[in-house]
N, C-alpha and C. Protein backbone atom coordinates (compact mmCIF):
# COMPACT_ATOMS: atom_id res chain seq x y z
N MET A 1 108.99 21.52 -95.69
CA MET A 1 107.73 21.49 -94.96
C MET A 1 107.95 22.11 -93.58
N THR A 2 107.02 22.95 -93.11
CA THR A 2 107.18 23.59 -91.81
C THR A 2 106.93 22.61 -90.69
N ALA A 3 107.42 22.99 -89.48
CA ALA A 3 107.19 22.14 -88.31
C ALA A 3 105.71 21.95 -88.07
N GLY A 4 104.92 23.03 -88.31
CA GLY A 4 103.49 22.94 -88.05
C GLY A 4 102.78 21.92 -88.92
N LEU A 5 103.35 21.58 -90.06
CA LEU A 5 102.72 20.59 -90.95
C LEU A 5 103.38 19.22 -90.89
N ALA A 6 104.49 19.10 -90.20
CA ALA A 6 105.28 17.87 -90.26
C ALA A 6 104.47 16.65 -89.85
N TRP A 7 103.69 16.77 -88.73
CA TRP A 7 102.97 15.59 -88.28
C TRP A 7 101.60 15.46 -88.92
N ALA A 8 101.19 16.44 -89.75
CA ALA A 8 99.94 16.29 -90.49
C ALA A 8 100.06 15.20 -91.54
N PHE A 9 101.30 14.85 -91.89
CA PHE A 9 101.54 13.81 -92.89
C PHE A 9 102.04 12.53 -92.24
N GLY A 10 101.71 12.35 -90.94
CA GLY A 10 101.96 11.07 -90.29
C GLY A 10 103.36 10.88 -89.75
N ARG A 11 104.19 11.93 -89.74
CA ARG A 11 105.55 11.73 -89.27
C ARG A 11 105.73 12.13 -87.81
N GLY A 12 104.74 12.77 -87.23
CA GLY A 12 104.83 13.18 -85.84
C GLY A 12 105.77 14.35 -85.67
N PRO A 13 105.75 14.99 -84.47
CA PRO A 13 106.67 16.11 -84.22
C PRO A 13 108.12 15.69 -84.42
N ARG A 14 108.91 16.59 -84.96
CA ARG A 14 110.32 16.28 -85.18
C ARG A 14 111.14 17.51 -84.83
N LEU A 15 112.36 17.26 -84.42
CA LEU A 15 113.26 18.35 -84.09
C LEU A 15 113.66 19.09 -85.36
N LEU A 16 113.90 20.37 -85.22
CA LEU A 16 114.38 21.18 -86.31
C LEU A 16 115.89 21.37 -86.18
N ALA A 17 116.52 21.75 -87.27
CA ALA A 17 117.95 22.05 -87.19
C ALA A 17 118.16 23.22 -86.24
N PRO A 18 119.15 23.16 -85.35
CA PRO A 18 119.39 24.27 -84.42
C PRO A 18 119.61 25.58 -85.16
N ARG A 19 119.03 26.64 -84.64
CA ARG A 19 119.20 27.96 -85.22
C ARG A 19 120.48 28.59 -84.67
N GLN A 20 121.14 29.37 -85.48
CA GLN A 20 122.40 30.00 -85.07
C GLN A 20 122.11 31.25 -84.25
N ILE A 21 122.76 31.35 -83.08
CA ILE A 21 122.63 32.54 -82.26
C ILE A 21 124.03 33.07 -81.95
N ASP A 22 124.09 34.31 -81.47
CA ASP A 22 125.38 34.97 -81.25
C ASP A 22 125.72 35.11 -79.77
N TRP A 23 125.08 34.32 -78.94
CA TRP A 23 125.33 34.39 -77.51
C TRP A 23 125.30 32.98 -76.91
N THR A 24 125.79 32.87 -75.71
CA THR A 24 125.74 31.61 -74.97
C THR A 24 124.51 31.61 -74.07
N MET A 25 123.72 30.57 -74.14
CA MET A 25 122.52 30.51 -73.32
C MET A 25 122.89 30.36 -71.85
N ARG A 26 122.01 30.87 -71.00
CA ARG A 26 122.26 30.83 -69.57
C ARG A 26 122.33 29.40 -69.03
N ALA A 27 123.17 29.22 -68.02
CA ALA A 27 123.26 27.94 -67.31
C ALA A 27 122.22 27.91 -66.20
N LEU A 28 121.89 26.71 -65.73
CA LEU A 28 120.88 26.56 -64.70
C LEU A 28 121.24 27.33 -63.43
N ASP A 29 122.53 27.38 -63.11
CA ASP A 29 122.93 28.02 -61.85
C ASP A 29 122.91 29.55 -61.91
N THR A 30 122.49 30.12 -63.04
CA THR A 30 122.29 31.57 -63.09
C THR A 30 120.97 31.96 -62.43
N ALA A 31 120.13 30.97 -62.14
CA ALA A 31 118.82 31.22 -61.52
C ALA A 31 118.74 30.46 -60.19
N ARG A 32 117.82 30.88 -59.35
CA ARG A 32 117.51 30.13 -58.13
C ARG A 32 116.31 29.24 -58.43
N THR A 33 116.46 27.94 -58.28
CA THR A 33 115.40 27.00 -58.62
C THR A 33 115.08 26.12 -57.42
N SER A 34 113.86 25.64 -57.39
CA SER A 34 113.46 24.69 -56.35
C SER A 34 112.37 23.77 -56.88
N VAL A 35 112.35 22.56 -56.36
CA VAL A 35 111.31 21.58 -56.68
C VAL A 35 110.79 21.04 -55.35
N GLY A 36 109.49 21.10 -55.14
CA GLY A 36 108.93 20.63 -53.88
C GLY A 36 107.52 20.10 -54.08
N LYS A 37 106.93 19.65 -52.99
CA LYS A 37 105.57 19.11 -53.05
C LYS A 37 104.71 19.86 -52.03
N LEU A 38 103.53 20.27 -52.48
CA LEU A 38 102.59 20.96 -51.60
C LEU A 38 101.79 19.94 -50.79
N GLU A 39 101.10 20.41 -49.76
CA GLU A 39 100.33 19.53 -48.90
C GLU A 39 99.22 18.81 -49.65
N ASP A 40 98.72 19.43 -50.71
CA ASP A 40 97.64 18.79 -51.48
C ASP A 40 98.15 17.81 -52.51
N GLY A 41 99.47 17.59 -52.54
CA GLY A 41 100.05 16.59 -53.44
C GLY A 41 100.58 17.14 -54.74
N ARG A 42 100.29 18.40 -55.03
CA ARG A 42 100.82 18.96 -56.26
C ARG A 42 102.32 19.21 -56.16
N VAL A 43 103.01 19.08 -57.30
CA VAL A 43 104.44 19.38 -57.37
C VAL A 43 104.60 20.84 -57.76
N GLU A 44 105.52 21.52 -57.09
CA GLU A 44 105.77 22.93 -57.35
C GLU A 44 107.21 23.11 -57.82
N LEU A 45 107.37 23.76 -58.95
CA LEU A 45 108.69 24.11 -59.48
C LEU A 45 108.77 25.63 -59.57
N VAL A 46 109.83 26.19 -59.01
CA VAL A 46 109.96 27.64 -58.95
C VAL A 46 111.31 28.06 -59.53
N ILE A 47 111.30 29.11 -60.32
CA ILE A 47 112.53 29.68 -60.88
C ILE A 47 112.53 31.18 -60.63
N GLU A 48 113.56 31.65 -59.98
CA GLU A 48 113.80 33.09 -59.86
C GLU A 48 114.95 33.40 -60.81
N HIS A 49 114.61 33.94 -61.96
CA HIS A 49 115.60 34.16 -63.01
C HIS A 49 116.51 35.33 -62.67
N ALA A 50 117.72 35.30 -63.20
CA ALA A 50 118.56 36.49 -63.15
C ALA A 50 117.86 37.61 -63.91
N ARG A 51 118.09 38.83 -63.49
CA ARG A 51 117.41 39.98 -64.09
C ARG A 51 117.60 40.02 -65.60
N LEU A 52 116.54 40.43 -66.28
CA LEU A 52 116.58 40.59 -67.74
C LEU A 52 116.98 42.02 -68.04
N GLU A 53 118.24 42.22 -68.35
CA GLU A 53 118.77 43.57 -68.60
C GLU A 53 118.19 44.14 -69.89
N GLY A 54 117.74 45.40 -69.82
CA GLY A 54 117.26 46.08 -71.01
C GLY A 54 115.88 45.67 -71.47
N VAL A 55 115.22 44.81 -70.70
CA VAL A 55 113.88 44.34 -71.04
C VAL A 55 112.88 44.94 -70.06
N THR A 56 111.75 45.41 -70.55
CA THR A 56 110.71 45.98 -69.69
C THR A 56 109.50 45.04 -69.65
N PRO A 57 108.65 45.16 -68.61
CA PRO A 57 107.42 44.38 -68.61
C PRO A 57 106.55 44.61 -69.84
N ALA A 58 106.54 45.84 -70.35
CA ALA A 58 105.75 46.12 -71.57
C ALA A 58 106.27 45.30 -72.75
N MET A 59 107.59 45.17 -72.84
CA MET A 59 108.16 44.35 -73.91
C MET A 59 107.72 42.89 -73.77
N LEU A 60 107.72 42.38 -72.55
CA LEU A 60 107.34 40.99 -72.32
C LEU A 60 105.86 40.76 -72.64
N HIS A 61 105.03 41.72 -72.28
CA HIS A 61 103.61 41.64 -72.63
C HIS A 61 103.44 41.54 -74.14
N TRP A 62 104.11 42.44 -74.86
CA TRP A 62 104.05 42.44 -76.32
C TRP A 62 104.61 41.15 -76.89
N TRP A 63 105.70 40.65 -76.30
CA TRP A 63 106.33 39.44 -76.79
C TRP A 63 105.37 38.26 -76.77
N PHE A 64 104.70 38.07 -75.65
CA PHE A 64 103.80 36.91 -75.56
C PHE A 64 102.56 37.08 -76.44
N GLN A 65 102.26 38.30 -76.84
CA GLN A 65 101.18 38.51 -77.80
C GLN A 65 101.61 38.18 -79.23
N THR A 66 102.90 38.26 -79.50
CA THR A 66 103.38 38.17 -80.89
C THR A 66 104.39 37.06 -81.13
N ALA A 67 104.67 36.24 -80.12
CA ALA A 67 105.74 35.24 -80.25
C ALA A 67 105.45 34.19 -81.32
N SER A 68 104.19 34.06 -81.73
CA SER A 68 103.86 33.08 -82.77
C SER A 68 104.08 33.65 -84.18
N GLU A 69 104.45 34.93 -84.28
CA GLU A 69 104.67 35.55 -85.59
C GLU A 69 106.10 35.32 -86.07
N ASP A 70 106.40 35.85 -87.25
CA ASP A 70 107.73 35.69 -87.85
C ASP A 70 108.61 36.90 -87.56
N MET A 71 109.90 36.73 -87.81
CA MET A 71 110.85 37.83 -87.69
C MET A 71 111.98 37.60 -88.67
N GLU A 72 112.72 38.65 -88.97
CA GLU A 72 113.91 38.51 -89.80
C GLU A 72 115.06 38.10 -88.90
N TRP A 73 115.77 37.06 -89.30
CA TRP A 73 116.88 36.56 -88.50
C TRP A 73 117.98 36.09 -89.44
N LYS A 74 119.09 36.80 -89.40
CA LYS A 74 120.27 36.45 -90.20
C LYS A 74 119.94 36.30 -91.68
N GLY A 75 119.17 37.25 -92.19
CA GLY A 75 118.86 37.29 -93.60
C GLY A 75 117.69 36.45 -94.05
N SER A 76 117.03 35.77 -93.10
CA SER A 76 115.88 34.94 -93.44
C SER A 76 114.69 35.32 -92.58
N ILE A 77 113.50 34.98 -93.02
CA ILE A 77 112.29 35.16 -92.24
C ILE A 77 111.95 33.83 -91.59
N ILE A 78 111.96 33.79 -90.26
CA ILE A 78 111.69 32.55 -89.55
C ILE A 78 110.73 32.85 -88.39
N PRO A 79 110.11 31.81 -87.82
CA PRO A 79 109.25 32.04 -86.65
C PRO A 79 110.04 32.62 -85.47
N ARG A 80 109.46 33.60 -84.82
CA ARG A 80 110.11 34.16 -83.63
C ARG A 80 110.34 33.08 -82.57
N TYR A 81 109.43 32.15 -82.51
CA TYR A 81 109.52 31.07 -81.53
C TYR A 81 110.81 30.28 -81.67
N HIS A 82 111.32 30.18 -82.89
CA HIS A 82 112.55 29.41 -83.12
C HIS A 82 113.80 30.15 -82.64
N VAL A 83 113.73 31.47 -82.57
CA VAL A 83 114.85 32.24 -82.02
C VAL A 83 114.78 32.22 -80.50
N TRP A 84 113.58 32.23 -79.96
CA TRP A 84 113.39 32.25 -78.50
C TRP A 84 114.13 31.10 -77.84
N HIS A 85 114.03 29.90 -78.39
CA HIS A 85 114.93 28.81 -77.99
C HIS A 85 115.39 28.11 -79.26
N PRO A 86 116.67 28.26 -79.62
CA PRO A 86 117.13 27.82 -80.93
C PRO A 86 117.27 26.31 -81.10
N VAL A 87 117.06 25.56 -80.04
CA VAL A 87 117.18 24.09 -80.12
C VAL A 87 115.86 23.40 -79.80
N ASP A 88 115.22 23.80 -78.70
CA ASP A 88 114.10 23.04 -78.16
C ASP A 88 112.76 23.36 -78.81
N HIS A 89 112.60 24.57 -79.32
CA HIS A 89 111.27 24.99 -79.80
C HIS A 89 110.96 24.45 -81.19
N ILE A 90 109.75 23.93 -81.32
CA ILE A 90 109.30 23.35 -82.59
C ILE A 90 108.14 24.16 -83.16
N GLN A 91 107.10 24.43 -82.36
CA GLN A 91 105.94 25.14 -82.89
C GLN A 91 105.23 25.89 -81.78
N LEU A 92 104.78 27.09 -82.09
CA LEU A 92 103.85 27.84 -81.26
C LEU A 92 102.76 28.38 -82.17
N GLU A 93 101.53 28.05 -81.85
CA GLU A 93 100.40 28.48 -82.67
C GLU A 93 99.30 29.03 -81.76
N VAL A 94 98.73 30.15 -82.12
CA VAL A 94 97.55 30.67 -81.43
C VAL A 94 96.33 29.99 -82.05
N VAL A 95 95.71 29.09 -81.30
CA VAL A 95 94.58 28.35 -81.86
C VAL A 95 93.24 28.98 -81.48
N ARG A 96 93.27 29.90 -80.52
CA ARG A 96 92.07 30.67 -80.21
C ARG A 96 92.50 32.03 -79.68
N ARG A 97 91.85 33.08 -80.18
CA ARG A 97 92.11 34.43 -79.68
C ARG A 97 91.10 34.80 -78.61
N ALA A 98 91.39 35.89 -77.92
CA ALA A 98 90.46 36.42 -76.92
C ALA A 98 89.18 36.90 -77.62
N ALA A 99 88.16 37.19 -76.82
CA ALA A 99 86.87 37.59 -77.38
C ALA A 99 86.95 38.86 -78.22
N ASP A 100 87.92 39.72 -77.90
CA ASP A 100 88.06 40.97 -78.66
C ASP A 100 88.98 40.83 -79.87
N GLY A 101 89.42 39.60 -80.14
CA GLY A 101 90.24 39.35 -81.32
C GLY A 101 91.74 39.47 -81.08
N THR A 102 92.14 39.87 -79.89
CA THR A 102 93.56 40.00 -79.58
C THR A 102 94.10 38.70 -79.01
N VAL A 103 95.42 38.67 -78.83
CA VAL A 103 96.04 37.58 -78.08
C VAL A 103 96.15 38.07 -76.64
N GLY A 104 95.33 37.52 -75.78
CA GLY A 104 95.25 37.97 -74.41
C GLY A 104 94.48 36.97 -73.57
N PRO A 105 93.98 37.39 -72.40
CA PRO A 105 93.21 36.47 -71.56
C PRO A 105 92.05 35.84 -72.33
N GLY A 106 91.96 34.52 -72.27
CA GLY A 106 90.96 33.80 -73.03
C GLY A 106 91.50 33.15 -74.28
N SER A 107 92.73 33.47 -74.64
CA SER A 107 93.36 32.84 -75.79
C SER A 107 93.78 31.40 -75.45
N ARG A 108 94.16 30.70 -76.47
CA ARG A 108 94.65 29.33 -76.31
C ARG A 108 95.82 29.13 -77.25
N PHE A 109 96.90 28.54 -76.75
CA PHE A 109 98.11 28.28 -77.53
C PHE A 109 98.30 26.78 -77.72
N HIS A 110 98.84 26.41 -78.89
CA HIS A 110 99.35 25.05 -79.09
C HIS A 110 100.87 25.14 -79.07
N ILE A 111 101.47 24.45 -78.10
CA ILE A 111 102.91 24.53 -77.87
C ILE A 111 103.53 23.16 -78.12
N VAL A 112 104.58 23.13 -78.94
CA VAL A 112 105.33 21.90 -79.19
C VAL A 112 106.81 22.21 -78.97
N GLU A 113 107.43 21.51 -78.04
CA GLU A 113 108.85 21.72 -77.74
C GLU A 113 109.42 20.44 -77.15
N ALA A 114 110.73 20.31 -77.23
CA ALA A 114 111.42 19.13 -76.72
C ALA A 114 112.59 19.60 -75.86
N PHE A 115 112.46 19.48 -74.55
CA PHE A 115 113.47 20.00 -73.65
C PHE A 115 114.81 19.31 -73.87
N GLY A 116 115.85 20.11 -73.93
CA GLY A 116 117.18 19.56 -74.17
C GLY A 116 117.38 19.06 -75.57
N GLY A 117 116.48 19.44 -76.49
CA GLY A 117 116.58 18.94 -77.85
C GLY A 117 116.42 17.43 -77.94
N ASP A 118 115.61 16.86 -77.03
CA ASP A 118 115.45 15.41 -76.92
C ASP A 118 113.96 15.09 -77.03
N LEU A 119 113.59 14.30 -78.04
CA LEU A 119 112.19 13.96 -78.23
C LEU A 119 111.64 13.10 -77.10
N ALA A 120 112.50 12.54 -76.26
CA ALA A 120 112.02 11.86 -75.06
C ALA A 120 111.40 12.86 -74.09
N ASN A 121 111.75 14.13 -74.24
CA ASN A 121 111.20 15.20 -73.42
C ASN A 121 110.24 16.08 -74.22
N LEU A 122 109.52 15.45 -75.14
CA LEU A 122 108.59 16.18 -76.00
C LEU A 122 107.36 16.61 -75.21
N VAL A 123 106.96 17.85 -75.40
CA VAL A 123 105.70 18.37 -74.89
C VAL A 123 104.90 18.88 -76.08
N ASP A 124 103.69 18.38 -76.24
CA ASP A 124 102.81 18.77 -77.34
C ASP A 124 101.44 19.01 -76.72
N ARG A 125 101.17 20.26 -76.35
CA ARG A 125 100.00 20.57 -75.54
C ARG A 125 99.27 21.81 -76.04
N VAL A 126 97.97 21.81 -75.87
CA VAL A 126 97.18 23.02 -76.02
C VAL A 126 96.94 23.57 -74.62
N VAL A 127 97.26 24.85 -74.42
CA VAL A 127 97.15 25.46 -73.10
C VAL A 127 96.25 26.68 -73.17
N ASP A 128 95.51 26.90 -72.10
CA ASP A 128 94.68 28.09 -71.96
C ASP A 128 95.52 29.22 -71.39
N VAL A 129 95.12 30.45 -71.70
CA VAL A 129 95.83 31.65 -71.24
C VAL A 129 94.84 32.50 -70.43
N PRO A 130 94.71 32.25 -69.12
CA PRO A 130 93.78 33.05 -68.33
C PRO A 130 94.30 34.44 -67.99
N ARG A 131 95.63 34.62 -68.06
CA ARG A 131 96.19 35.94 -67.79
C ARG A 131 97.28 36.27 -68.80
N LEU A 132 97.27 37.49 -69.31
CA LEU A 132 98.36 38.02 -70.13
C LEU A 132 98.29 39.54 -70.07
N ASP A 133 99.24 40.14 -69.37
CA ASP A 133 99.31 41.59 -69.26
C ASP A 133 100.75 41.96 -68.92
N ALA A 134 100.98 43.23 -68.61
CA ALA A 134 102.34 43.68 -68.34
C ALA A 134 102.88 43.16 -67.01
N GLY A 135 102.03 42.53 -66.22
CA GLY A 135 102.48 41.95 -64.96
C GLY A 135 102.83 40.49 -65.05
N GLY A 136 102.44 39.84 -66.17
CA GLY A 136 102.78 38.43 -66.30
C GLY A 136 101.85 37.67 -67.23
N ILE A 137 102.12 36.38 -67.34
CA ILE A 137 101.30 35.48 -68.15
C ILE A 137 101.11 34.18 -67.39
N THR A 138 99.91 33.62 -67.47
CA THR A 138 99.62 32.32 -66.87
C THR A 138 99.13 31.38 -67.96
N LEU A 139 99.66 30.16 -67.94
CA LEU A 139 99.27 29.11 -68.88
C LEU A 139 98.69 27.95 -68.08
N GLU A 140 97.62 27.35 -68.58
CA GLU A 140 97.00 26.24 -67.85
C GLU A 140 96.62 25.11 -68.80
N VAL A 141 96.76 23.88 -68.31
CA VAL A 141 96.14 22.71 -68.92
C VAL A 141 95.00 22.32 -67.98
N ARG A 142 93.80 22.17 -68.52
CA ARG A 142 92.63 21.92 -67.68
C ARG A 142 91.98 20.59 -68.03
N LEU A 143 91.41 19.95 -67.00
CA LEU A 143 90.70 18.68 -67.16
C LEU A 143 89.49 18.72 -66.24
N LEU A 144 88.32 18.44 -66.80
CA LEU A 144 87.07 18.46 -66.04
C LEU A 144 86.89 19.79 -65.31
N GLY A 145 87.30 20.86 -65.99
CA GLY A 145 87.10 22.18 -65.44
C GLY A 145 88.12 22.62 -64.41
N ARG A 146 89.14 21.80 -64.14
CA ARG A 146 90.13 22.15 -63.13
C ARG A 146 91.52 22.19 -63.76
N ALA A 147 92.35 23.09 -63.26
CA ALA A 147 93.72 23.18 -63.76
C ALA A 147 94.52 21.99 -63.23
N ILE A 148 95.14 21.25 -64.13
CA ILE A 148 96.03 20.16 -63.74
C ILE A 148 97.50 20.53 -63.99
N MET A 149 97.71 21.65 -64.67
CA MET A 149 99.02 22.26 -64.79
C MET A 149 98.81 23.76 -64.87
N ARG A 150 99.52 24.48 -64.01
CA ARG A 150 99.45 25.94 -64.06
C ARG A 150 100.87 26.49 -64.03
N LEU A 151 101.21 27.30 -65.01
CA LEU A 151 102.52 27.94 -65.09
C LEU A 151 102.31 29.44 -65.10
N ALA A 152 102.78 30.10 -64.04
CA ALA A 152 102.62 31.54 -63.92
C ALA A 152 103.98 32.21 -63.99
N HIS A 153 104.15 33.08 -64.96
CA HIS A 153 105.35 33.92 -65.08
C HIS A 153 104.95 35.33 -64.62
N THR A 154 105.73 35.89 -63.69
CA THR A 154 105.44 37.22 -63.15
C THR A 154 106.58 38.16 -63.48
N PHE A 155 106.24 39.35 -63.98
CA PHE A 155 107.24 40.35 -64.38
C PHE A 155 107.22 41.52 -63.39
N THR A 156 108.39 41.93 -62.95
CA THR A 156 108.51 43.06 -62.03
C THR A 156 109.57 44.02 -62.56
N ALA A 157 109.17 45.27 -62.78
CA ALA A 157 110.11 46.27 -63.28
C ALA A 157 111.20 46.54 -62.24
N THR A 158 112.44 46.58 -62.69
CA THR A 158 113.58 46.91 -61.84
C THR A 158 114.40 47.97 -62.57
N GLU A 159 115.34 48.55 -61.88
CA GLU A 159 116.19 49.54 -62.53
C GLU A 159 117.04 48.87 -63.60
N GLY A 160 116.83 49.26 -64.83
CA GLY A 160 117.62 48.72 -65.94
C GLY A 160 117.13 47.41 -66.50
N GLY A 161 116.00 46.91 -66.01
CA GLY A 161 115.55 45.62 -66.53
C GLY A 161 114.26 45.15 -65.89
N THR A 162 114.08 43.83 -65.87
CA THR A 162 112.87 43.23 -65.33
C THR A 162 113.23 41.98 -64.53
N GLY A 163 112.61 41.85 -63.37
CA GLY A 163 112.68 40.60 -62.63
C GLY A 163 111.64 39.63 -63.17
N TYR A 164 112.01 38.38 -63.30
CA TYR A 164 111.15 37.39 -63.96
C TYR A 164 111.08 36.17 -63.05
N HIS A 165 109.89 35.86 -62.58
CA HIS A 165 109.67 34.76 -61.65
C HIS A 165 108.72 33.75 -62.29
N SER A 166 109.08 32.47 -62.24
CA SER A 166 108.25 31.42 -62.84
C SER A 166 107.86 30.41 -61.76
N ARG A 167 106.59 30.03 -61.75
CA ARG A 167 106.10 29.02 -60.80
C ARG A 167 105.18 28.07 -61.53
N MET A 168 105.54 26.79 -61.55
CA MET A 168 104.73 25.76 -62.17
C MET A 168 104.15 24.86 -61.09
N LEU A 169 102.84 24.57 -61.20
CA LEU A 169 102.17 23.63 -60.32
C LEU A 169 101.64 22.48 -61.16
N LEU A 170 101.97 21.26 -60.77
CA LEU A 170 101.57 20.07 -61.50
C LEU A 170 100.70 19.19 -60.62
N GLY A 171 99.56 18.80 -61.15
CA GLY A 171 98.66 17.92 -60.40
C GLY A 171 97.32 18.58 -60.18
N ALA A 172 96.37 17.79 -59.70
CA ALA A 172 95.02 18.28 -59.48
C ALA A 172 94.95 19.06 -58.18
N GLU A 173 94.32 20.22 -58.25
CA GLU A 173 94.25 21.09 -57.08
C GLU A 173 93.29 20.55 -56.03
N SER A 174 92.15 20.03 -56.45
CA SER A 174 91.16 19.53 -55.51
C SER A 174 90.15 18.67 -56.27
N GLY A 175 89.22 18.10 -55.53
CA GLY A 175 88.17 17.31 -56.16
C GLY A 175 88.25 15.85 -55.76
N LEU A 176 87.09 15.24 -55.51
CA LEU A 176 87.05 13.86 -55.05
C LEU A 176 87.63 12.90 -56.08
N VAL A 177 87.41 13.21 -57.36
CA VAL A 177 87.94 12.34 -58.41
C VAL A 177 89.36 12.73 -58.77
N MET A 178 89.61 14.03 -58.87
CA MET A 178 90.88 14.51 -59.39
C MET A 178 92.04 14.29 -58.42
N LYS A 179 91.83 14.61 -57.15
CA LYS A 179 92.95 14.61 -56.21
C LYS A 179 93.60 13.24 -56.06
N PRO A 180 92.83 12.13 -55.93
CA PRO A 180 93.49 10.81 -55.84
C PRO A 180 94.27 10.43 -57.09
N LEU A 181 93.94 11.04 -58.21
CA LEU A 181 94.61 10.74 -59.47
C LEU A 181 95.74 11.72 -59.77
N SER A 182 96.10 12.52 -58.78
CA SER A 182 97.04 13.62 -59.04
C SER A 182 98.35 13.14 -59.62
N HIS A 183 98.90 12.04 -59.09
CA HIS A 183 100.19 11.57 -59.59
C HIS A 183 100.09 11.14 -61.04
N ALA A 184 99.03 10.38 -61.37
CA ALA A 184 98.85 9.95 -62.75
C ALA A 184 98.64 11.13 -63.68
N ILE A 185 97.93 12.15 -63.19
CA ILE A 185 97.71 13.36 -63.99
C ILE A 185 99.03 14.07 -64.23
N ARG A 186 99.85 14.18 -63.18
CA ARG A 186 101.15 14.84 -63.34
C ARG A 186 101.99 14.12 -64.37
N ASP A 187 101.99 12.78 -64.32
CA ASP A 187 102.79 12.01 -65.27
C ASP A 187 102.30 12.24 -66.70
N ARG A 188 100.98 12.34 -66.84
CA ARG A 188 100.40 12.52 -68.17
C ARG A 188 100.75 13.88 -68.75
N VAL A 189 100.70 14.91 -67.91
CA VAL A 189 100.95 16.26 -68.39
C VAL A 189 102.43 16.55 -68.51
N LEU A 190 103.19 16.23 -67.47
CA LEU A 190 104.63 16.50 -67.46
C LEU A 190 105.25 15.60 -66.40
N SER A 191 105.92 14.54 -66.82
CA SER A 191 106.52 13.60 -65.87
C SER A 191 107.58 14.30 -65.04
N ASP A 192 107.99 13.65 -63.94
CA ASP A 192 109.00 14.25 -63.07
C ASP A 192 110.29 14.53 -63.84
N ASP A 193 110.70 13.61 -64.71
CA ASP A 193 111.93 13.82 -65.47
C ASP A 193 111.79 15.01 -66.42
N LYS A 194 110.65 15.11 -67.08
CA LYS A 194 110.43 16.23 -67.98
C LYS A 194 110.37 17.54 -67.21
N ALA A 195 109.75 17.49 -66.03
CA ALA A 195 109.64 18.71 -65.23
C ALA A 195 111.01 19.25 -64.86
N ARG A 196 111.92 18.36 -64.50
CA ARG A 196 113.27 18.81 -64.16
C ARG A 196 114.01 19.31 -65.39
N ALA A 197 113.78 18.67 -66.54
CA ALA A 197 114.39 19.15 -67.78
C ALA A 197 113.82 20.52 -68.15
N TRP A 198 112.57 20.77 -67.77
CA TRP A 198 111.96 22.07 -68.06
C TRP A 198 112.67 23.20 -67.33
N LEU A 199 113.22 22.94 -66.15
CA LEU A 199 113.90 24.00 -65.40
C LEU A 199 115.00 24.64 -66.25
N LEU A 200 115.89 23.81 -66.81
CA LEU A 200 116.96 24.35 -67.64
C LEU A 200 116.40 25.00 -68.90
N HIS A 201 115.43 24.35 -69.52
CA HIS A 201 114.82 24.90 -70.73
C HIS A 201 114.29 26.31 -70.48
N ASN A 202 113.59 26.49 -69.38
CA ASN A 202 113.00 27.80 -69.10
C ASN A 202 114.05 28.84 -68.76
N VAL A 203 115.08 28.44 -68.02
CA VAL A 203 116.18 29.36 -67.73
C VAL A 203 116.83 29.82 -69.04
N GLU A 204 116.99 28.90 -69.98
CA GLU A 204 117.61 29.25 -71.26
C GLU A 204 116.73 30.18 -72.08
N GLU A 205 115.45 29.83 -72.23
CA GLU A 205 114.61 30.63 -73.12
C GLU A 205 114.37 32.03 -72.55
N VAL A 206 114.15 32.12 -71.25
CA VAL A 206 113.97 33.44 -70.64
C VAL A 206 115.26 34.24 -70.77
N GLY A 207 116.40 33.59 -70.55
CA GLY A 207 117.69 34.28 -70.65
C GLY A 207 118.04 34.73 -72.06
N ASN A 208 117.39 34.14 -73.05
CA ASN A 208 117.65 34.56 -74.44
C ASN A 208 116.99 35.90 -74.78
N LEU A 209 115.93 36.25 -74.08
CA LEU A 209 115.14 37.42 -74.45
C LEU A 209 115.93 38.72 -74.52
N PRO A 210 116.82 39.03 -73.56
CA PRO A 210 117.53 40.32 -73.67
C PRO A 210 118.40 40.45 -74.91
N HIS A 211 118.71 39.33 -75.57
CA HIS A 211 119.62 39.38 -76.71
C HIS A 211 118.92 39.79 -78.01
N PHE A 212 117.60 39.72 -78.05
CA PHE A 212 116.92 40.10 -79.29
C PHE A 212 115.62 40.87 -79.08
N LEU A 213 114.99 40.74 -77.92
CA LEU A 213 113.69 41.36 -77.73
C LEU A 213 113.73 42.89 -77.75
N PRO A 214 114.68 43.56 -77.09
CA PRO A 214 114.65 45.04 -77.13
C PRO A 214 114.69 45.61 -78.54
N SER A 215 115.55 45.05 -79.40
CA SER A 215 115.64 45.57 -80.77
C SER A 215 114.39 45.20 -81.58
N LEU A 216 113.85 44.02 -81.35
CA LEU A 216 112.63 43.61 -82.05
C LEU A 216 111.46 44.50 -81.63
N TYR A 217 111.38 44.81 -80.36
CA TYR A 217 110.31 45.67 -79.85
C TYR A 217 110.45 47.09 -80.41
N GLU A 218 111.68 47.57 -80.47
CA GLU A 218 111.94 48.91 -80.99
C GLU A 218 111.50 49.03 -82.45
N ALA A 219 111.66 47.94 -83.19
CA ALA A 219 111.36 47.96 -84.63
C ALA A 219 109.90 47.63 -84.95
N ARG A 220 109.08 47.36 -83.95
CA ARG A 220 107.69 46.94 -84.20
C ARG A 220 106.94 48.03 -84.97
N GLY A 221 106.14 47.58 -85.90
CA GLY A 221 105.31 48.51 -86.65
C GLY A 221 106.01 49.22 -87.78
N ARG A 222 107.30 48.99 -87.95
CA ARG A 222 108.01 49.69 -89.04
C ARG A 222 107.75 49.00 -90.37
């Protein structure tokens, strides 16, 4: 039974067997990270990733449009999402496409993952995609019309690769009702412990891209 159907039969999300990869995932100290609090009470997590060698912004744009599809991996056809992080990723599903039928601004993703391969750090969320282009992707969880989680990945072309910057904001941005509940909202969406576990998870998954994305992009459409 696939991960996408596992909890349809009452068993809830479950970890999958780790996928075999041929490289060592990046360590947290390969990136510059910070965790802080803004004046409005929101928590800010920032990652400046080490450069993605051999990866272009166009490749990243295409990747986020197609990451929910399958690929050939070590003689089998498996979800691309499972290669992107061979331990933590469980499911990625496009539950709504953009108005023009593509995966782009206006789409919605269902994301299921467990940071560190630990179900105590399970995230099972539907997120909106207000931005997706060659300059980056933004994911949001919204409540009462306001973003209570915003994750913006920004891509910058460099010589021989791409600079990749990630910024997550947790909590209510404004509003008489939302702002006083910001801490409870943050806990509901992504607790402080999960947020810190996300730092390593994101460093690992982004660092995995140079190992398979260039060849996958080159082979697209064949």
